[in-house]
N, C-alpha and C. Protein backbone atom coordinates (compact mmCIF):
# COMPACT_ATOMS: atom_id res chain seq x y z
N MET A 1 -16.32 -21.04 0.99
CA MET A 1 -17.21 -19.89 0.94
C MET A 1 -16.39 -18.62 1.09
N PRO A 2 -16.64 -17.60 0.25
CA PRO A 2 -15.86 -16.36 0.34
C PRO A 2 -16.18 -15.61 1.63
N THR A 3 -15.19 -14.95 2.16
CA THR A 3 -15.42 -14.15 3.36
C THR A 3 -15.24 -12.67 3.10
N GLY A 4 -14.80 -12.28 1.93
CA GLY A 4 -14.61 -10.86 1.61
C GLY A 4 -13.19 -10.41 1.89
N ARG A 5 -12.91 -9.21 1.49
CA ARG A 5 -11.60 -8.62 1.72
C ARG A 5 -11.78 -7.31 2.48
N LEU A 6 -10.78 -6.93 3.19
CA LEU A 6 -10.81 -5.72 3.98
C LEU A 6 -9.63 -4.85 3.57
N PHE A 7 -9.89 -3.58 3.31
CA PHE A 7 -8.82 -2.64 2.96
C PHE A 7 -8.74 -1.58 4.04
N ILE A 8 -7.54 -1.29 4.49
CA ILE A 8 -7.32 -0.28 5.51
C ILE A 8 -6.68 0.94 4.86
N ARG A 9 -7.31 2.07 5.04
CA ARG A 9 -6.79 3.34 4.53
C ARG A 9 -6.84 4.33 5.68
N VAL A 10 -5.69 4.86 6.05
CA VAL A 10 -5.60 5.79 7.16
C VAL A 10 -5.50 7.20 6.60
N ASP A 11 -6.49 8.03 6.92
CA ASP A 11 -6.53 9.42 6.47
C ASP A 11 -6.14 10.30 7.64
N TYR A 12 -5.07 11.04 7.49
CA TYR A 12 -4.55 11.89 8.56
C TYR A 12 -5.16 13.28 8.46
N ASP A 13 -6.46 13.37 8.75
CA ASP A 13 -7.19 14.64 8.80
C ASP A 13 -6.95 15.53 7.59
N GLY A 14 -6.96 14.93 6.41
CA GLY A 14 -6.80 15.69 5.18
C GLY A 14 -5.36 16.07 4.86
N ARG A 15 -4.43 15.73 5.73
CA ARG A 15 -3.02 16.05 5.49
C ARG A 15 -2.36 15.03 4.58
N GLY A 16 -2.93 13.85 4.49
CA GLY A 16 -2.37 12.79 3.67
C GLY A 16 -2.98 11.46 4.04
N VAL A 17 -2.67 10.46 3.24
CA VAL A 17 -3.27 9.14 3.40
C VAL A 17 -2.20 8.07 3.31
N LEU A 18 -2.36 7.03 4.11
CA LEU A 18 -1.53 5.83 4.00
C LEU A 18 -2.49 4.67 3.79
N GLY A 19 -2.32 3.98 2.67
CA GLY A 19 -3.22 2.88 2.35
C GLY A 19 -2.47 1.75 1.67
N PRO A 20 -3.23 0.78 1.14
CA PRO A 20 -2.59 -0.41 0.57
C PRO A 20 -1.69 -0.12 -0.62
N GLY A 21 -2.04 0.85 -1.45
CA GLY A 21 -1.21 1.16 -2.61
C GLY A 21 0.15 1.71 -2.22
N LYS A 22 0.17 2.64 -1.29
CA LYS A 22 1.44 3.22 -0.85
C LYS A 22 2.27 2.18 -0.10
N ALA A 23 1.60 1.31 0.66
CA ALA A 23 2.33 0.26 1.36
C ALA A 23 2.97 -0.69 0.34
N ARG A 24 2.22 -1.06 -0.71
CA ARG A 24 2.80 -1.93 -1.75
C ARG A 24 3.97 -1.24 -2.44
N LEU A 25 3.84 0.07 -2.69
CA LEU A 25 4.93 0.81 -3.33
C LEU A 25 6.17 0.80 -2.43
N MET A 26 5.99 1.02 -1.14
CA MET A 26 7.13 0.99 -0.22
C MET A 26 7.78 -0.38 -0.21
N GLU A 27 6.97 -1.44 -0.22
CA GLU A 27 7.53 -2.79 -0.25
C GLU A 27 8.30 -3.04 -1.55
N ALA A 28 7.76 -2.56 -2.65
CA ALA A 28 8.43 -2.74 -3.95
C ALA A 28 9.75 -1.98 -3.98
N ILE A 29 9.80 -0.81 -3.38
CA ILE A 29 11.06 -0.05 -3.31
C ILE A 29 12.07 -0.82 -2.46
N ALA A 30 11.61 -1.36 -1.34
CA ALA A 30 12.52 -2.13 -0.48
C ALA A 30 13.07 -3.35 -1.23
N GLU A 31 12.24 -3.97 -2.06
CA GLU A 31 12.66 -5.18 -2.79
C GLU A 31 13.54 -4.87 -4.00
N THR A 32 13.25 -3.76 -4.70
CA THR A 32 13.97 -3.47 -5.94
C THR A 32 15.11 -2.48 -5.76
N GLY A 33 15.05 -1.66 -4.72
CA GLY A 33 16.06 -0.63 -4.54
C GLY A 33 15.92 0.52 -5.51
N SER A 34 14.71 0.67 -6.09
CA SER A 34 14.53 1.67 -7.14
C SER A 34 13.07 2.13 -7.19
N ILE A 35 12.86 3.43 -7.26
CA ILE A 35 11.51 3.96 -7.44
C ILE A 35 11.02 3.60 -8.84
N THR A 36 11.88 3.68 -9.84
CA THR A 36 11.50 3.35 -11.21
C THR A 36 11.06 1.89 -11.30
N ALA A 37 11.87 0.98 -10.79
CA ALA A 37 11.54 -0.44 -10.86
C ALA A 37 10.30 -0.76 -10.04
N ALA A 38 10.15 -0.12 -8.89
CA ALA A 38 8.98 -0.35 -8.05
C ALA A 38 7.72 0.11 -8.78
N GLY A 39 7.78 1.30 -9.37
CA GLY A 39 6.63 1.80 -10.13
C GLY A 39 6.28 0.88 -11.28
N ARG A 40 7.29 0.45 -12.01
CA ARG A 40 7.08 -0.46 -13.14
C ARG A 40 6.42 -1.75 -12.66
N ARG A 41 6.90 -2.28 -11.56
CA ARG A 41 6.34 -3.52 -11.00
C ARG A 41 4.85 -3.36 -10.68
N LEU A 42 4.48 -2.17 -10.25
CA LEU A 42 3.08 -1.92 -9.86
C LEU A 42 2.26 -1.30 -10.98
N GLY A 43 2.87 -1.17 -12.17
CA GLY A 43 2.13 -0.64 -13.30
C GLY A 43 1.89 0.85 -13.26
N MET A 44 2.79 1.59 -12.65
CA MET A 44 2.65 3.04 -12.61
C MET A 44 3.91 3.71 -13.14
N SER A 45 3.76 4.93 -13.56
CA SER A 45 4.90 5.67 -14.08
C SER A 45 5.84 6.06 -12.95
N TYR A 46 7.07 6.39 -13.33
CA TYR A 46 8.03 6.87 -12.34
C TYR A 46 7.48 8.12 -11.67
N ARG A 47 6.91 9.01 -12.46
CA ARG A 47 6.37 10.27 -11.90
C ARG A 47 5.31 9.99 -10.84
N ARG A 48 4.38 9.09 -11.13
CA ARG A 48 3.32 8.75 -10.16
C ARG A 48 3.93 8.17 -8.90
N ALA A 49 4.85 7.24 -9.06
CA ALA A 49 5.51 6.62 -7.90
C ALA A 49 6.25 7.68 -7.08
N TRP A 50 6.98 8.55 -7.77
CA TRP A 50 7.75 9.58 -7.07
C TRP A 50 6.82 10.53 -6.32
N LEU A 51 5.70 10.91 -6.93
CA LEU A 51 4.76 11.82 -6.26
C LEU A 51 4.17 11.18 -5.00
N LEU A 52 3.87 9.89 -5.06
CA LEU A 52 3.34 9.20 -3.88
C LEU A 52 4.38 9.14 -2.77
N ILE A 53 5.61 8.85 -3.13
CA ILE A 53 6.69 8.80 -2.13
C ILE A 53 6.95 10.20 -1.56
N ASP A 54 6.91 11.21 -2.42
CA ASP A 54 7.10 12.58 -1.95
C ASP A 54 6.02 12.96 -0.94
N GLU A 55 4.78 12.54 -1.23
CA GLU A 55 3.68 12.82 -0.30
C GLU A 55 3.95 12.15 1.05
N LEU A 56 4.36 10.88 1.03
CA LEU A 56 4.67 10.18 2.28
C LEU A 56 5.83 10.84 3.01
N ASN A 57 6.86 11.22 2.26
CA ASN A 57 8.04 11.82 2.89
C ASN A 57 7.71 13.14 3.59
N HIS A 58 6.68 13.84 3.12
CA HIS A 58 6.29 15.10 3.75
C HIS A 58 5.21 14.92 4.80
N LEU A 59 4.56 13.76 4.82
CA LEU A 59 3.49 13.49 5.77
C LEU A 59 4.04 13.14 7.15
N PHE A 60 5.13 12.41 7.19
CA PHE A 60 5.68 11.95 8.46
C PHE A 60 6.81 12.86 8.94
N ARG A 61 7.23 12.68 10.18
CA ARG A 61 8.20 13.58 10.80
C ARG A 61 9.56 13.57 10.13
N ALA A 62 9.84 12.52 9.38
CA ALA A 62 11.09 12.38 8.62
C ALA A 62 10.76 11.54 7.39
N PRO A 63 11.59 11.59 6.37
CA PRO A 63 11.32 10.82 5.14
C PRO A 63 11.21 9.32 5.41
N LEU A 64 10.33 8.67 4.65
CA LEU A 64 10.17 7.22 4.73
C LEU A 64 11.04 6.52 3.69
N VAL A 65 11.37 7.24 2.62
CA VAL A 65 12.18 6.70 1.53
C VAL A 65 13.31 7.68 1.25
N SER A 66 14.51 7.16 1.14
CA SER A 66 15.64 7.99 0.71
C SER A 66 15.98 7.58 -0.72
N ALA A 67 16.29 8.56 -1.53
CA ALA A 67 16.60 8.28 -2.93
C ALA A 67 17.84 9.05 -3.34
N GLN A 68 18.63 8.42 -4.20
CA GLN A 68 19.80 9.07 -4.78
C GLN A 68 19.53 9.20 -6.27
N ARG A 69 19.89 10.33 -6.82
CA ARG A 69 19.70 10.56 -8.25
C ARG A 69 20.57 9.63 -9.06
N GLY A 70 20.12 9.38 -10.27
CA GLY A 70 20.88 8.54 -11.20
C GLY A 70 22.15 9.25 -11.64
N GLY A 71 22.87 8.63 -12.49
CA GLY A 71 24.13 9.18 -12.97
C GLY A 71 24.96 8.03 -13.49
N ASP A 72 26.26 8.22 -13.48
CA ASP A 72 27.16 7.17 -13.96
C ASP A 72 26.97 5.86 -13.19
N ARG A 73 26.76 5.97 -11.89
CA ARG A 73 26.59 4.78 -11.07
C ARG A 73 25.12 4.39 -10.92
N GLY A 74 24.23 5.19 -11.47
CA GLY A 74 22.80 4.92 -11.33
C GLY A 74 22.30 5.43 -9.99
N GLY A 75 21.01 5.53 -9.89
CA GLY A 75 20.41 6.01 -8.64
C GLY A 75 20.00 4.83 -7.78
N GLY A 76 19.19 5.11 -6.85
CA GLY A 76 18.70 4.06 -5.99
C GLY A 76 17.76 4.64 -4.96
N ALA A 77 17.03 3.77 -4.31
CA ALA A 77 16.10 4.20 -3.28
C ALA A 77 16.00 3.09 -2.24
N ALA A 78 15.73 3.48 -1.02
CA ALA A 78 15.59 2.52 0.07
C ALA A 78 14.68 3.11 1.13
N LEU A 79 14.05 2.23 1.89
CA LEU A 79 13.27 2.70 3.03
C LEU A 79 14.23 3.16 4.12
N THR A 80 13.87 4.24 4.76
CA THR A 80 14.63 4.68 5.93
C THR A 80 14.19 3.82 7.12
N ALA A 81 14.85 4.00 8.24
CA ALA A 81 14.45 3.26 9.45
C ALA A 81 13.00 3.61 9.79
N LEU A 82 12.63 4.89 9.67
CA LEU A 82 11.25 5.27 9.95
C LEU A 82 10.30 4.65 8.92
N GLY A 83 10.73 4.59 7.67
CA GLY A 83 9.92 3.95 6.63
C GLY A 83 9.65 2.50 6.95
N GLU A 84 10.66 1.78 7.39
CA GLU A 84 10.48 0.37 7.76
C GLU A 84 9.52 0.25 8.93
N THR A 85 9.63 1.16 9.90
CA THR A 85 8.76 1.13 11.07
C THR A 85 7.31 1.43 10.68
N VAL A 86 7.11 2.47 9.87
CA VAL A 86 5.76 2.84 9.44
C VAL A 86 5.13 1.69 8.64
N LEU A 87 5.88 1.10 7.73
CA LEU A 87 5.35 -0.01 6.93
C LEU A 87 4.98 -1.19 7.82
N ALA A 88 5.85 -1.53 8.77
CA ALA A 88 5.57 -2.65 9.68
C ALA A 88 4.33 -2.36 10.52
N ARG A 89 4.19 -1.13 10.99
CA ARG A 89 3.01 -0.77 11.79
C ARG A 89 1.73 -0.84 10.96
N TYR A 90 1.80 -0.38 9.72
CA TYR A 90 0.64 -0.43 8.83
C TYR A 90 0.24 -1.88 8.58
N ARG A 91 1.20 -2.75 8.28
CA ARG A 91 0.89 -4.16 8.03
C ARG A 91 0.34 -4.82 9.30
N ALA A 92 0.84 -4.45 10.48
CA ALA A 92 0.31 -4.99 11.74
C ALA A 92 -1.13 -4.51 11.94
N LEU A 93 -1.40 -3.27 11.62
CA LEU A 93 -2.76 -2.73 11.71
C LEU A 93 -3.70 -3.53 10.80
N GLU A 94 -3.25 -3.82 9.58
CA GLU A 94 -4.05 -4.64 8.65
C GLU A 94 -4.34 -6.01 9.24
N ARG A 95 -3.31 -6.68 9.74
CA ARG A 95 -3.47 -8.03 10.30
C ARG A 95 -4.45 -8.01 11.48
N ASP A 96 -4.27 -7.04 12.38
CA ASP A 96 -5.14 -6.97 13.56
C ASP A 96 -6.58 -6.65 13.17
N ALA A 97 -6.77 -5.75 12.20
CA ALA A 97 -8.12 -5.41 11.76
C ALA A 97 -8.79 -6.60 11.09
N LEU A 98 -8.05 -7.33 10.28
CA LEU A 98 -8.61 -8.51 9.61
C LEU A 98 -8.98 -9.58 10.64
N ALA A 99 -8.13 -9.78 11.64
CA ALA A 99 -8.44 -10.77 12.68
C ALA A 99 -9.71 -10.37 13.43
N ALA A 100 -9.85 -9.09 13.74
CA ALA A 100 -11.04 -8.63 14.46
C ALA A 100 -12.28 -8.69 13.57
N ALA A 101 -12.11 -8.41 12.29
CA ALA A 101 -13.26 -8.36 11.38
C ALA A 101 -13.62 -9.73 10.82
N GLY A 102 -12.74 -10.72 10.95
CA GLY A 102 -12.96 -12.04 10.37
C GLY A 102 -14.33 -12.64 10.65
N PRO A 103 -14.76 -12.71 11.90
CA PRO A 103 -16.08 -13.30 12.18
C PRO A 103 -17.22 -12.50 11.52
N HIS A 104 -17.10 -11.19 11.48
CA HIS A 104 -18.13 -10.36 10.85
C HIS A 104 -18.15 -10.57 9.35
N LEU A 105 -16.96 -10.66 8.74
CA LEU A 105 -16.90 -10.92 7.30
C LEU A 105 -17.50 -12.28 6.97
N ALA A 106 -17.21 -13.28 7.80
CA ALA A 106 -17.76 -14.62 7.57
C ALA A 106 -19.28 -14.61 7.71
N ALA A 107 -19.79 -13.89 8.71
CA ALA A 107 -21.24 -13.81 8.90
C ALA A 107 -21.91 -13.11 7.72
N LEU A 108 -21.30 -12.05 7.24
CA LEU A 108 -21.85 -11.37 6.06
C LEU A 108 -21.81 -12.28 4.85
N ALA A 109 -20.71 -13.02 4.68
CA ALA A 109 -20.58 -13.92 3.55
C ALA A 109 -21.62 -15.03 3.61
N ALA A 110 -21.96 -15.47 4.82
CA ALA A 110 -22.96 -16.53 4.96
C ALA A 110 -24.33 -16.06 4.49
N ASP A 111 -24.55 -14.75 4.49
CA ASP A 111 -25.83 -14.20 4.05
C ASP A 111 -25.86 -13.84 2.57
N LEU A 112 -24.79 -14.13 1.86
CA LEU A 112 -24.78 -13.87 0.42
C LEU A 112 -25.75 -14.81 -0.29
N ALA A 113 -26.32 -14.32 -1.37
CA ALA A 113 -27.19 -15.17 -2.18
C ALA A 113 -26.37 -16.31 -2.77
N PRO A 114 -26.87 -17.54 -2.72
CA PRO A 114 -26.09 -18.66 -3.24
C PRO A 114 -25.85 -18.58 -4.74
N ASP A 115 -26.72 -17.89 -5.45
CA ASP A 115 -26.57 -17.82 -6.90
C ASP A 115 -26.03 -16.47 -7.36
N ALA A 116 -25.45 -15.71 -6.44
CA ALA A 116 -24.90 -14.40 -6.82
C ALA A 116 -23.81 -14.59 -7.86
N THR A 117 -23.88 -13.83 -8.92
CA THR A 117 -22.88 -13.92 -9.98
C THR A 117 -21.64 -13.15 -9.54
N PRO A 118 -20.51 -13.85 -9.45
CA PRO A 118 -19.30 -13.13 -9.04
C PRO A 118 -18.86 -12.12 -10.08
N VAL A 119 -18.35 -11.03 -9.61
CA VAL A 119 -17.73 -10.03 -10.49
C VAL A 119 -16.37 -10.57 -10.81
N ALA A 120 -15.91 -10.38 -12.04
CA ALA A 120 -14.64 -10.94 -12.54
C ALA A 120 -13.67 -11.32 -11.41
N ASP A 121 -13.01 -10.39 -10.84
CA ASP A 121 -12.10 -10.64 -9.72
C ASP A 121 -12.47 -9.76 -8.56
N GLY A 122 -13.70 -9.36 -8.46
CA GLY A 122 -14.10 -8.43 -7.43
C GLY A 122 -13.84 -7.02 -7.92
N PRO A 123 -14.05 -6.06 -7.07
CA PRO A 123 -13.84 -4.68 -7.50
C PRO A 123 -12.36 -4.43 -7.77
N PRO A 124 -12.06 -3.46 -8.60
CA PRO A 124 -10.65 -3.18 -8.87
C PRO A 124 -9.94 -2.76 -7.60
N GLU A 125 -8.67 -3.08 -7.54
CA GLU A 125 -7.86 -2.63 -6.41
C GLU A 125 -7.91 -1.12 -6.34
N PRO A 126 -8.01 -0.56 -5.15
CA PRO A 126 -8.00 0.89 -5.07
C PRO A 126 -6.65 1.43 -5.55
N ALA A 127 -6.72 2.54 -6.24
CA ALA A 127 -5.48 3.18 -6.70
C ALA A 127 -4.68 3.62 -5.49
N ALA A 128 -3.39 3.61 -5.63
CA ALA A 128 -2.54 4.08 -4.55
C ALA A 128 -2.88 5.53 -4.27
N PRO A 129 -3.27 5.84 -3.06
CA PRO A 129 -3.64 7.22 -2.76
C PRO A 129 -2.46 8.16 -2.84
């Protein structure tokens, strides 16, 4: 029986947002070492990925991602120590919220109509804020 999904989006009083899309982008940068490759992996342009990272870098007390421009040796990107900490805290927040919400999600799912027609794969993933 489905129990539903929970998405955590933290809005910092209109100054910026940290949500699942930006967390996935940070993870992709950590895995690929590149904003371009991370964006491509997530189906977004380099410009979109760079703008999201720029927003994060200005939202926190220090940059979350460091990037070097391309050139003969190519560029690269990596999470800073603060970036790794913020990402780990966000993922812990997700885990804790899901654990707390689990019984409520299950109870809501138990009240679903047995013949409800599922939507293809559920609602589309929220765009990276």
